[in-house]
């Protein structure tokens, strides 16, 4: 359901940005009880509320739904692995080629 995806996204972005739910409510100029209802009663926020939450998270509405910029976290990855993947995504095509060559050299026995 879309509600579950939105709620998961809010929680994931709070974790990534080290923002508590209380701080998010303050930043978004929403009552904490409203945010709490969205998260715990699994209700889908209105577009206006979602825009305010995005403001509180300091992301645009399009970034909120852009899973390439902020992918849902893979619980199987360590923090170091996730950091490396995020750095990799920001490399130019040429630097990615160089990194691949370097890693191929490292992994040869």
PDB file of N, CA and C in Angstrom:
ATOM      1  N   UNK A   1       0.832  -1.188   0.000  1.00  0.00           N
ATOM      2  CA  UNK A   1       0.000   0.000   0.000  1.00  0.00           C
ATOM      3  C   UNK A   1       0.872   1.246   0.000  1.00  0.00           C
ATOM      4  N   UNK A   2       0.387   2.285  -0.605  1.00  0.00           N
ATOM      5  CA  UNK A   2       1.144   3.523  -0.719  1.00  0.00           C
ATOM      6  C   UNK A   2       1.385   4.145   0.652  1.00  0.00           C
ATOM      7  N   UNK A   3       0.438   3.988   1.580  1.00  0.00           N
ATOM      8  CA  UNK A   3       0.625   4.545   2.919  1.00  0.00           C
ATOM      9  C   UNK A   3       1.877   3.975   3.563  1.00  0.00           C
ATOM     10  N   UNK A   4       2.052   2.667   3.434  1.00  0.00           N
ATOM     11  CA  UNK A   4       3.218   2.005   4.029  1.00  0.00           C
ATOM     12  C   UNK A   4       4.513   2.517   3.425  1.00  0.00           C
ATOM     13  N   UNK A   5       4.527   2.731   2.119  1.00  0.00           N
ATOM     14  CA  UNK A   5       5.733   3.233   1.453  1.00  0.00           C
ATOM     15  C   UNK A   5       6.057   4.659   1.895  1.00  0.00           C
ATOM     16  N   UNK A   6       5.049   5.479   2.034  1.00  0.00           N
ATOM     17  CA  UNK A   6       5.265   6.856   2.468  1.00  0.00           C
ATOM     18  C   UNK A   6       5.769   6.886   3.897  1.00  0.00           C
ATOM     19  N   UNK A   7       5.166   6.094   4.753  1.00  0.00           N
ATOM     20  CA  UNK A   7       5.577   6.048   6.157  1.00  0.00           C
ATOM     21  C   UNK A   7       7.007   5.532   6.264  1.00  0.00           C
ATOM     22  N   UNK A   8       7.323   4.483   5.521  1.00  0.00           N
ATOM     23  CA  UNK A   8       8.683   3.941   5.528  1.00  0.00           C
ATOM     24  C   UNK A   8       9.675   4.982   5.034  1.00  0.00           C
ATOM     25  N   UNK A   9       9.266   5.742   4.040  1.00  0.00           N
ATOM     26  CA  UNK A   9      10.141   6.776   3.483  1.00  0.00           C
ATOM     27  C   UNK A   9      10.408   7.882   4.497  1.00  0.00           C
ATOM     28  N   UNK A  10       9.388   8.322   5.203  1.00  0.00           N
ATOM     29  CA  UNK A  10       9.549   9.342   6.238  1.00  0.00           C
ATOM     30  C   UNK A  10      10.528   8.853   7.301  1.00  0.00           C
ATOM     31  N   UNK A  11      10.332   7.639   7.759  1.00  0.00           N
ATOM     32  CA  UNK A  11      11.199   7.087   8.801  1.00  0.00           C
ATOM     33  C   UNK A  11      12.632   6.927   8.313  1.00  0.00           C
ATOM     34  N   UNK A  12      12.799   6.476   7.078  1.00  0.00           N
ATOM     35  CA  UNK A  12      14.136   6.281   6.517  1.00  0.00           C
ATOM     36  C   UNK A  12      14.865   7.610   6.383  1.00  0.00           C
ATOM     37  N   UNK A  13      14.185   8.633   5.889  1.00  0.00           N
ATOM     38  CA  UNK A  13      14.825   9.931   5.722  1.00  0.00           C
ATOM     39  C   UNK A  13      15.160  10.561   7.075  1.00  0.00           C
ATOM     40  N   UNK A  14      14.323  10.351   8.058  1.00  0.00           N
ATOM     41  CA  UNK A  14      14.637  10.839   9.415  1.00  0.00           C
ATOM     42  C   UNK A  14      15.905  10.163   9.922  1.00  0.00           C
ATOM     43  N   UNK A  15      16.009   8.875   9.722  1.00  0.00           N
ATOM     44  CA  UNK A  15      17.196   8.134  10.170  1.00  0.00           C
ATOM     45  C   UNK A  15      18.431   8.621   9.440  1.00  0.00           C
ATOM     46  N   UNK A  16      18.358   8.741   8.119  1.00  0.00           N
ATOM     47  CA  UNK A  16      19.509   9.178   7.324  1.00  0.00           C
ATOM     48  C   UNK A  16      19.966  10.585   7.684  1.00  0.00           C
ATOM     49  N   UNK A  17      19.008  11.442   7.997  1.00  0.00           N
ATOM     50  CA  UNK A  17      19.335  12.836   8.274  1.00  0.00           C
ATOM     51  C   UNK A  17      19.485  13.111   9.774  1.00  0.00           C
ATOM     52  N   UNK A  18      19.375  12.057  10.574  1.00  0.00           N
ATOM     53  CA  UNK A  18      19.526  12.164  12.028  1.00  0.00           C
ATOM     54  C   UNK A  18      18.558  13.187  12.614  1.00  0.00           C
ATOM     55  N   UNK A  19      17.290  13.078  12.201  1.00  0.00           N
ATOM     56  CA  UNK A  19      16.241  13.967  12.667  1.00  0.00           C
ATOM     57  C   UNK A  19      15.243  13.131  13.480  1.00  0.00           C
ATOM     58  N   UNK A  20      14.983  13.552  14.694  1.00  0.00           N
ATOM     59  CA  UNK A  20      13.971  12.862  15.491  1.00  0.00           C
ATOM     60  C   UNK A  20      12.590  13.218  14.954  1.00  0.00           C
ATOM     61  N   UNK A  21      11.612  12.402  15.309  1.00  0.00           N
ATOM     62  CA  UNK A  21      10.251  12.684  14.856  1.00  0.00           C
ATOM     63  C   UNK A  21       9.749  13.996  15.461  1.00  0.00           C
ATOM     64  N   UNK A  22      10.136  14.263  16.680  1.00  0.00           N
ATOM     65  CA  UNK A  22       9.754  15.523  17.315  1.00  0.00           C
ATOM     66  C   UNK A  22      10.341  16.702  16.536  1.00  0.00           C
ATOM     67  N   UNK A  23      11.628  16.608  16.167  1.00  0.00           N
ATOM     68  CA  UNK A  23      12.278  17.675  15.412  1.00  0.00           C
ATOM     69  C   UNK A  23      11.626  17.827  14.040  1.00  0.00           C
ATOM     70  N   UNK A  24      11.286  16.700  13.399  1.00  0.00           N
ATOM     71  CA  UNK A  24      10.617  16.756  12.101  1.00  0.00           C
ATOM     72  C   UNK A  24       9.300  17.508  12.219  1.00  0.00           C
ATOM     73  N   UNK A  25       8.513  17.199  13.242  1.00  0.00           N
ATOM     74  CA  UNK A  25       7.235  17.886  13.436  1.00  0.00           C
ATOM     75  C   UNK A  25       7.455  19.385  13.604  1.00  0.00           C
ATOM     76  N   UNK A  26       8.458  19.772  14.383  1.00  0.00           N
ATOM     77  CA  UNK A  26       8.767  21.192  14.581  1.00  0.00           C
ATOM     78  C   UNK A  26       9.203  21.841  13.266  1.00  0.00           C
ATOM     79  N   UNK A  27      10.132  21.193  12.554  1.00  0.00           N
ATOM     80  CA  UNK A  27      10.632  21.737  11.285  1.00  0.00           C
ATOM     81  C   UNK A  27       9.509  21.879  10.253  1.00  0.00           C
ATOM     82  N   UNK A  28       8.584  20.936  10.279  1.00  0.00           N
ATOM     83  CA  UNK A  28       7.487  20.920   9.308  1.00  0.00           C
ATOM     84  C   UNK A  28       6.310  21.785   9.754  1.00  0.00           C
ATOM     85  N   UNK A  29       6.431  22.349  10.943  1.00  0.00           N
ATOM     86  CA  UNK A  29       5.355  23.164  11.512  1.00  0.00           C
ATOM     87  C   UNK A  29       4.042  22.385  11.564  1.00  0.00           C
ATOM     88  N   UNK A  30       4.168  21.132  12.050  1.00  0.00           N
ATOM     89  CA  UNK A  30       3.011  20.257  12.236  1.00  0.00           C
ATOM     90  C   UNK A  30       2.928  19.872  13.700  1.00  0.00           C
ATOM     91  N   UNK A  31       1.732  19.657  14.212  1.00  0.00           N
ATOM     92  CA  UNK A  31       1.639  19.128  15.571  1.00  0.00           C
ATOM     93  C   UNK A  31       2.263  17.725  15.615  1.00  0.00           C
ATOM     94  N   UNK A  32       2.994  17.456  16.677  1.00  0.00           N
ATOM     95  CA  UNK A  32       3.616  16.140  16.813  1.00  0.00           C
ATOM     96  C   UNK A  32       2.552  15.042  16.769  1.00  0.00           C
ATOM     97  N   UNK A  33       1.380  15.330  17.331  1.00  0.00           N
ATOM     98  CA  UNK A  33       0.308  14.327  17.349  1.00  0.00           C
ATOM     99  C   UNK A  33      -0.122  13.955  15.921  1.00  0.00           C
ATOM    100  N   UNK A  34      -0.094  14.900  15.010  1.00  0.00           N
ATOM    101  CA  UNK A  34      -0.443  14.600  13.610  1.00  0.00           C
ATOM    102  C   UNK A  34       0.572  13.661  12.982  1.00  0.00           C
ATOM    103  N   UNK A  35       1.856  13.948  13.217  1.00  0.00           N
ATOM    104  CA  UNK A  35       2.904  13.073  12.690  1.00  0.00           C
ATOM    105  C   UNK A  35       2.809  11.695  13.327  1.00  0.00           C
ATOM    106  N   UNK A  36       2.562  11.674  14.612  1.00  0.00           N
ATOM    107  CA  UNK A  36       2.436  10.404  15.332  1.00  0.00           C
ATOM    108  C   UNK A  36       1.268   9.578  14.769  1.00  0.00           C
ATOM    109  N   UNK A  37       0.152  10.228  14.463  1.00  0.00           N
ATOM    110  CA  UNK A  37      -0.995   9.521  13.872  1.00  0.00           C
ATOM    111  C   UNK A  37      -0.643   8.932  12.514  1.00  0.00           C
ATOM    112  N   UNK A  38       0.081   9.695  11.712  1.00  0.00           N
ATOM    113  CA  UNK A  38       0.484   9.196  10.391  1.00  0.00           C
ATOM    114  C   UNK A  38       1.327   7.933  10.545  1.00  0.00           C
ATOM    115  N   UNK A  39       2.299   7.984  11.449  1.00  0.00           N
ATOM    116  CA  UNK A  39       3.242   6.876  11.586  1.00  0.00           C
ATOM    117  C   UNK A  39       2.664   5.667  12.309  1.00  0.00           C
ATOM    118  N   UNK A  40       1.874   5.891  13.342  1.00  0.00           N
ATOM    119  CA  UNK A  40       1.413   4.765  14.159  1.00  0.00           C
ATOM    120  C   UNK A  40       0.038   4.246  13.784  1.00  0.00           C
ATOM    121  N   UNK A  41      -0.786   5.104  13.224  1.00  0.00           N
ATOM    122  CA  UNK A  41      -2.097   4.641  12.762  1.00  0.00           C
ATOM    123  C   UNK A  41      -2.062   4.300  11.282  1.00  0.00           C
ATOM    124  N   UNK A  42      -0.873   4.524  10.681  1.00  0.00           N
ATOM    125  CA  UNK A  42      -0.634   4.182   9.284  1.00  0.00           C
ATOM    126  C   UNK A  42      -1.624   4.892   8.359  1.00  0.00           C
ATOM    127  N   UNK A  43      -1.824   6.192   8.623  1.00  0.00           N
ATOM    128  CA  UNK A  43      -2.698   6.978   7.763  1.00  0.00           C
ATOM    129  C   UNK A  43      -1.860   7.723   6.740  1.00  0.00           C
ATOM    130  N   UNK A  44      -2.389   7.862   5.570  1.00  0.00           N
ATOM    131  CA  UNK A  44      -1.666   8.531   4.486  1.00  0.00           C
ATOM    132  C   UNK A  44      -1.817  10.041   4.640  1.00  0.00           C
ATOM    133  N   UNK A  45      -0.694  10.770   4.657  1.00  0.00           N
ATOM    134  CA  UNK A  45      -0.806  12.224   4.791  1.00  0.00           C
ATOM    135  C   UNK A  45      -1.376  12.852   3.515  1.00  0.00           C
ATOM    136  N   UNK A  46      -1.998  13.995   3.687  1.00  0.00           N
ATOM    137  CA  UNK A  46      -2.476  14.742   2.520  1.00  0.00           C
ATOM    138  C   UNK A  46      -1.254  15.280   1.785  1.00  0.00           C
ATOM    139  N   UNK A  47      -1.460  15.762   0.572  1.00  0.00           N
ATOM    140  CA  UNK A  47      -0.360  16.330  -0.206  1.00  0.00           C
ATOM    141  C   UNK A  47       0.225  17.532   0.528  1.00  0.00           C
ATOM    142  N   UNK A  48      -0.632  18.358   1.105  1.00  0.00           N
ATOM    143  CA  UNK A  48      -0.161  19.535   1.847  1.00  0.00           C
ATOM    144  C   UNK A  48       0.702  19.120   3.030  1.00  0.00           C
ATOM    145  N   UNK A  49       0.269  18.111   3.767  1.00  0.00           N
ATOM    146  CA  UNK A  49       1.050  17.623   4.909  1.00  0.00           C
ATOM    147  C   UNK A  49       2.358  17.020   4.432  1.00  0.00           C
ATOM    148  N   UNK A  50       2.301  16.278   3.342  1.00  0.00           N
ATOM    149  CA  UNK A  50       3.520  15.681   2.790  1.00  0.00           C
ATOM    150  C   UNK A  50       4.497  16.770   2.347  1.00  0.00           C
ATOM    151  N   UNK A  51       4.002  17.838   1.760  1.00  0.00           N
ATOM    152  CA  UNK A  51       4.877  18.951   1.376  1.00  0.00           C
ATOM    153  C   UNK A  51       5.531  19.573   2.608  1.00  0.00           C
ATOM    154  N   UNK A  52       4.781  19.701   3.687  1.00  0.00           N
ATOM    155  CA  UNK A  52       5.342  20.250   4.928  1.00  0.00           C
ATOM    156  C   UNK A  52       6.397  19.301   5.508  1.00  0.00           C
ATOM    157  N   UNK A  53       6.133  18.005   5.436  1.00  0.00           N
ATOM    158  CA  UNK A  53       7.116  17.036   5.925  1.00  0.00           C
ATOM    159  C   UNK A  53       8.399  17.105   5.096  1.00  0.00           C
ATOM    160  N   UNK A  54       8.247  17.262   3.796  1.00  0.00           N
ATOM    161  CA  UNK A  54       9.425  17.401   2.931  1.00  0.00           C
ATOM    162  C   UNK A  54      10.214  18.646   3.314  1.00  0.00           C
ATOM    163  N   UNK A  55       9.507  19.738   3.587  1.00  0.00           N
ATOM    164  CA  UNK A  55      10.169  20.962   4.038  1.00  0.00           C
ATOM    165  C   UNK A  55      10.939  20.686   5.329  1.00  0.00           C
ATOM    166  N   UNK A  56      10.316  19.956   6.240  1.00  0.00           N
ATOM    167  CA  UNK A  56      10.962  19.612   7.502  1.00  0.00           C
ATOM    168  C   UNK A  56      12.167  18.703   7.336  1.00  0.00           C
ATOM    169  N   UNK A  57      12.155  17.893   6.295  1.00  0.00           N
ATOM    170  CA  UNK A  57      13.272  16.996   5.999  1.00  0.00           C
ATOM    171  C   UNK A  57      14.305  17.657   5.088  1.00  0.00           C
ATOM    172  N   UNK A  58      13.983  18.852   4.628  1.00  0.00           N
ATOM    173  CA  UNK A  58      14.852  19.600   3.712  1.00  0.00           C
ATOM    174  C   UNK A  58      15.084  18.847   2.404  1.00  0.00           C
ATOM    175  N   UNK A  59      14.003  18.292   1.874  1.00  0.00           N
ATOM    176  CA  UNK A  59      14.023  17.643   0.560  1.00  0.00           C
ATOM    177  C   UNK A  59      12.814  18.141  -0.215  1.00  0.00           C
ATOM    178  N   UNK A  60      12.918  18.123  -1.521  1.00  0.00           N
ATOM    179  CA  UNK A  60      11.764  18.486  -2.335  1.00  0.00           C
ATOM    180  C   UNK A  60      10.821  17.285  -2.416  1.00  0.00           C
ATOM    181  N   UNK A  61       9.623  17.545  -2.867  1.00  0.00           N
ATOM    182  CA  UNK A  61       8.656  16.462  -3.029  1.00  0.00           C
ATOM    183  C   UNK A  61       9.167  15.441  -4.040  1.00  0.00           C
ATOM    184  N   UNK A  62       9.820  15.915  -5.106  1.00  0.00           N
ATOM    185  CA  UNK A  62      10.351  14.980  -6.103  1.00  0.00           C
ATOM    186  C   UNK A  62      11.497  14.160  -5.516  1.00  0.00           C
ATOM    187  N   UNK A  63      12.338  14.765  -4.672  1.00  0.00           N
ATOM    188  CA  UNK A  63      13.417  14.010  -4.022  1.00  0.00           C
ATOM    189  C   UNK A  63      12.853  12.967  -3.060  1.00  0.00           C
ATOM    190  N   UNK A  64      11.742  13.289  -2.417  1.00  0.00           N
ATOM    191  CA  UNK A  64      11.104  12.352  -1.494  1.00  0.00           C
ATOM    192  C   UNK A  64      10.780  11.042  -2.204  1.00  0.00           C
ATOM    193  N   UNK A  65      10.325  11.160  -3.452  1.00  0.00           N
ATOM    194  CA  UNK A  65       9.942   9.968  -4.207  1.00  0.00           C
ATOM    195  C   UNK A  65      11.050   9.464  -5.135  1.00  0.00           C
ATOM    196  N   UNK A  66      12.220  10.078  -5.085  1.00  0.00           N
ATOM    197  CA  UNK A  66      13.341   9.649  -5.920  1.00  0.00           C
ATOM    198  C   UNK A  66      14.209   8.680  -5.130  1.00  0.00           C
ATOM    199  N   UNK A  67      14.011   7.399  -5.370  1.00  0.00           N
ATOM    200  CA  UNK A  67      14.710   6.377  -4.605  1.00  0.00           C
ATOM    201  C   UNK A  67      16.151   6.195  -5.049  1.00  0.00           C
ATOM    202  N   UNK A  68      16.556   6.835  -6.156  1.00  0.00           N
ATOM    203  CA  UNK A  68      17.961   6.784  -6.555  1.00  0.00           C
ATOM    204  C   UNK A  68      18.785   7.743  -5.710  1.00  0.00           C
ATOM    205  N   UNK A  69      18.212   8.896  -5.391  1.00  0.00           N
ATOM    206  CA  UNK A  69      18.930   9.859  -4.549  1.00  0.00           C
ATOM    207  C   UNK A  69      18.965   9.362  -3.111  1.00  0.00           C
ATOM    208  N   UNK A  70      17.822   8.944  -2.601  1.00  0.00           N
ATOM    209  CA  UNK A  70      17.727   8.436  -1.236  1.00  0.00           C
ATOM    210  C   UNK A  70      17.096   7.050  -1.281  1.00  0.00           C
ATOM    211  N   UNK A  71      17.877   6.038  -1.622  1.00  0.00           N
ATOM    212  CA  UNK A  71      17.288   4.703  -1.703  1.00  0.00           C
ATOM    213  C   UNK A  71      16.877   4.201  -0.326  1.00  0.00           C
ATOM    214  N   UNK A  72      15.882   3.335  -0.318  1.00  0.00           N
ATOM    215  CA  UNK A  72      15.508   2.695   0.936  1.00  0.00           C
ATOM    216  C   UNK A  72      16.697   1.870   1.391  1.00  0.00           C
ATOM    217  N   UNK A  73      17.002   1.979   2.633  1.00  0.00           N
ATOM    218  CA  UNK A  73      18.200   1.351   3.169  1.00  0.00           C
ATOM    219  C   UNK A  73      18.122  -0.166   3.094  1.00  0.00           C
ATOM    220  N   UNK A  74      19.205  -0.776   2.689  1.00  0.00           N
ATOM    221  CA  UNK A  74      19.326  -2.225   2.653  1.00  0.00           C
ATOM    222  C   UNK A  74      19.893  -2.658   3.996  1.00  0.00           C
ATOM    223  N   UNK A  75      19.101  -3.335   4.792  1.00  0.00           N
ATOM    224  CA  UNK A  75      19.513  -3.718   6.146  1.00  0.00           C
ATOM    225  C   UNK A  75      20.687  -4.706   6.145  1.00  0.00           C
ATOM    226  N   UNK A  76      20.967  -5.314   5.001  1.00  0.00           N
ATOM    227  CA  UNK A  76      22.072  -6.265   4.933  1.00  0.00           C
ATOM    228  C   UNK A  76      23.414  -5.562   4.796  1.00  0.00           C
ATOM    229  N   UNK A  77      23.416  -4.283   4.444  1.00  0.00           N
ATOM    230  CA  UNK A  77      24.661  -3.542   4.269  1.00  0.00           C
ATOM    231  C   UNK A  77      25.114  -2.931   5.593  1.00  0.00           C
ATOM    232  N   UNK A  78      26.422  -2.929   5.792  1.00  0.00           N
ATOM    233  CA  UNK A  78      26.967  -2.226   6.944  1.00  0.00           C
ATOM    234  C   UNK A  78      26.980  -0.734   6.616  1.00  0.00           C
ATOM    235  N   UNK A  79      27.211   0.075   7.625  1.00  0.00           N
ATOM    236  CA  UNK A  79      27.272   1.523   7.400  1.00  0.00           C
ATOM    237  C   UNK A  79      28.400   1.867   6.432  1.00  0.00           C
ATOM    238  N   UNK A  80      29.544   1.185   6.554  1.00  0.00           N
ATOM    239  CA  UNK A  80      30.677   1.430   5.648  1.00  0.00           C
ATOM    240  C   UNK A  80      30.325   1.069   4.208  1.00  0.00           C
ATOM    241  N   UNK A  81      29.648  -0.057   4.019  1.00  0.00           N
ATOM    242  CA  UNK A  81      29.262  -0.470   2.668  1.00  0.00           C
ATOM    243  C   UNK A  81      28.267   0.513   2.059  1.00  0.00           C
ATOM    244  N   UNK A  82      27.326   0.964   2.858  1.00  0.00           N
ATOM    245  CA  UNK A  82      26.347   1.923   2.368  1.00  0.00           C
ATOM    246  C   UNK A  82      27.021   3.247   2.005  1.00  0.00           C
ATOM    247  N   UNK A  83      27.986   3.665   2.813  1.00  0.00           N
ATOM    248  CA  UNK A  83      28.725   4.900   2.523  1.00  0.00           C
ATOM    249  C   UNK A  83      29.481   4.775   1.203  1.00  0.00           C
ATOM    250  N   UNK A  84      30.118   3.625   0.989  1.00  0.00           N
ATOM    251  CA  UNK A  84      30.847   3.413  -0.263  1.00  0.00           C
ATOM    252  C   UNK A  84      29.912   3.457  -1.465  1.00  0.00           C
ATOM    253  N   UNK A  85      28.759   2.833  -1.349  1.00  0.00           N
ATOM    254  CA  UNK A  85      27.799   2.844  -2.452  1.00  0.00           C
ATOM    255  C   UNK A  85      27.310   4.260  -2.748  1.00  0.00           C
ATOM    256  N   UNK A  86      27.055   5.027  -1.715  1.00  0.00           N
ATOM    257  CA  UNK A  86      26.608   6.403  -1.929  1.00  0.00           C
ATOM    258  C   UNK A  86      27.700   7.239  -2.594  1.00  0.00           C
ATOM    259  N   UNK A  87      28.954   7.032  -2.202  1.00  0.00           N
ATOM    260  CA  UNK A  87      30.062   7.742  -2.845  1.00  0.00           C
ATOM    261  C   UNK A  87      30.199   7.308  -4.302  1.00  0.00           C
ATOM    262  N   UNK A  88      30.036   6.017  -4.559  1.00  0.00           N
ATOM    263  CA  UNK A  88      30.139   5.477  -5.909  1.00  0.00           C
ATOM    264  C   UNK A  88      29.105   6.136  -6.831  1.00  0.00           C
ATOM    265  N   UNK A  89      27.889   6.320  -6.324  1.00  0.00           N
ATOM    266  CA  UNK A  89      26.819   6.906  -7.134  1.00  0.00           C
ATOM    267  C   UNK A  89      27.133   8.336  -7.553  1.00  0.00           C
ATOM    268  N   UNK A  90      27.993   9.016  -6.798  1.00  0.00           N
ATOM    269  CA  UNK A  90      28.334  10.405  -7.109  1.00  0.00           C
ATOM    270  C   UNK A  90      29.538  10.543  -8.028  1.00  0.00           C
ATOM    271  N   UNK A  91      30.175   9.433  -8.384  1.00  0.00           N
ATOM    272  CA  UNK A  91      31.348   9.480  -9.254  1.00  0.00           C
ATOM    273  C   UNK A  91      30.949   9.679 -10.717  1.00  0.00           C
ATOM    274  N   UNK A  92      31.836  10.302 -11.453  1.00  0.00           N
ATOM    275  CA  UNK A  92      31.624  10.426 -12.897  1.00  0.00           C
ATOM    276  C   UNK A  92      31.842   9.051 -13.533  1.00  0.00           C
ATOM    277  N   UNK A  93      31.419   8.905 -14.769  1.00  0.00           N
ATOM    278  CA  UNK A  93      31.586   7.629 -15.474  1.00  0.00           C
ATOM    279  C   UNK A  93      33.064   7.238 -15.556  1.00  0.00           C
ATOM    280  N   UNK A  94      33.922   8.199 -15.809  1.00  0.00           N
ATOM    281  CA  UNK A  94      35.368   7.923 -15.923  1.00  0.00           C
ATOM    282  C   UNK A  94      35.938   7.459 -14.587  1.00  0.00           C
ATOM    283  N   UNK A  95      35.548   8.106 -13.517  1.00  0.00           N
ATOM    284  CA  UNK A  95      36.054   7.701 -12.198  1.00  0.00           C
ATOM    285  C   UNK A  95      35.520   6.327 -11.795  1.00  0.00           C
ATOM    286  N   UNK A  96      34.323   6.007 -12.241  1.00  0.00           N
ATOM    287  CA  UNK A  96      33.789   4.660 -11.971  1.00  0.00           C
ATOM    288  C   UNK A  96      34.631   3.606 -12.699  1.00  0.00           C
ATOM    289  N   UNK A  97      34.998   3.906 -13.949  1.00  0.00           N
ATOM    290  CA  UNK A  97      35.850   2.979 -14.706  1.00  0.00           C
ATOM    291  C   UNK A  97      37.174   2.767 -13.987  1.00  0.00           C
ATOM    292  N   UNK A  98      37.781   3.846 -13.522  1.00  0.00           N
ATOM    293  CA  UNK A  98      39.051   3.746 -12.803  1.00  0.00           C
ATOM    294  C   UNK A  98      38.903   2.946 -11.519  1.00  0.00           C
ATOM    295  N   UNK A  99      37.816   3.175 -10.819  1.00  0.00           N
ATOM    296  CA  UNK A  99      37.575   2.431  -9.580  1.00  0.00           C
ATOM    297  C   UNK A  99      37.410   0.941  -9.858  1.00  0.00           C
ATOM    298  N   UNK A 100      36.680   0.609 -10.915  1.00  0.00           N
ATOM    299  CA  UNK A 100      36.513  -0.800 -11.293  1.00  0.00           C
ATOM    300  C   UNK A 100      37.869  -1.441 -11.592  1.00  0.00           C
ATOM    301  N   UNK A 101      38.700  -0.739 -12.346  1.00  0.00           N
ATOM    302  CA  UNK A 101      40.027  -1.264 -12.675  1.00  0.00           C
ATOM    303  C   UNK A 101      40.865  -1.460 -11.405  1.00  0.00           C
ATOM    304  N   UNK A 102      40.809  -0.493 -10.521  1.00  0.00           N
ATOM    305  CA  UNK A 102      41.563  -0.583  -9.263  1.00  0.00           C
ATOM    306  C   UNK A 102      41.071  -1.762  -8.429  1.00  0.00           C
ATOM    307  N   UNK A 103      39.766  -1.924  -8.333  1.00  0.00           N
ATOM    308  CA  UNK A 103      39.207  -3.039  -7.536  1.00  0.00           C
ATOM    309  C   UNK A 103      39.533  -4.387  -8.181  1.00  0.00           C
ATOM    310  N   UNK A 104      39.523  -4.437  -9.530  1.00  0.00           N
ATOM    311  CA  UNK A 104      39.912  -5.675 -10.211  1.00  0.00           C
ATOM    312  C   UNK A 104      41.350  -6.039  -9.844  1.00  0.00           C
ATOM    313  N   UNK A 105      42.225  -5.042  -9.824  1.00  0.00           N
ATOM    314  CA  UNK A 105      43.612  -5.279  -9.447  1.00  0.00           C
ATOM    315  C   UNK A 105      43.751  -5.741  -8.009  1.00  0.00           C
ATOM    316  N   UNK A 106      42.979  -5.160  -7.118  1.00  0.00           N
ATOM    317  CA  UNK A 106      43.016  -5.564  -5.706  1.00  0.00           C
ATOM    318  C   UNK A 106      42.507  -6.981  -5.478  1.00  0.00           C
ATOM    319  N   UNK A 107      41.521  -7.370  -6.265  1.00  0.00           N
ATOM    320  CA  UNK A 107      40.896  -8.669  -6.020  1.00  0.00           C
ATOM    321  C   UNK A 107      41.605  -9.832  -6.702  1.00  0.00           C
ATOM    322  N   UNK A 108      42.607  -9.558  -7.533  1.00  0.00           N
ATOM    323  CA  UNK A 108      43.357 -10.629  -8.172  1.00  0.00           C
ATOM    324  C   UNK A 108      44.302 -11.276  -7.161  1.00  0.00           C
ATOM    325  N   UNK A 109      44.436 -12.554  -7.287  1.00  0.00           N
ATOM    326  CA  UNK A 109      45.309 -13.280  -6.343  1.00  0.00           C
ATOM    327  C   UNK A 109      46.633 -13.576  -6.951  1.00  0.00           C
TER     328      UNK A 109
END
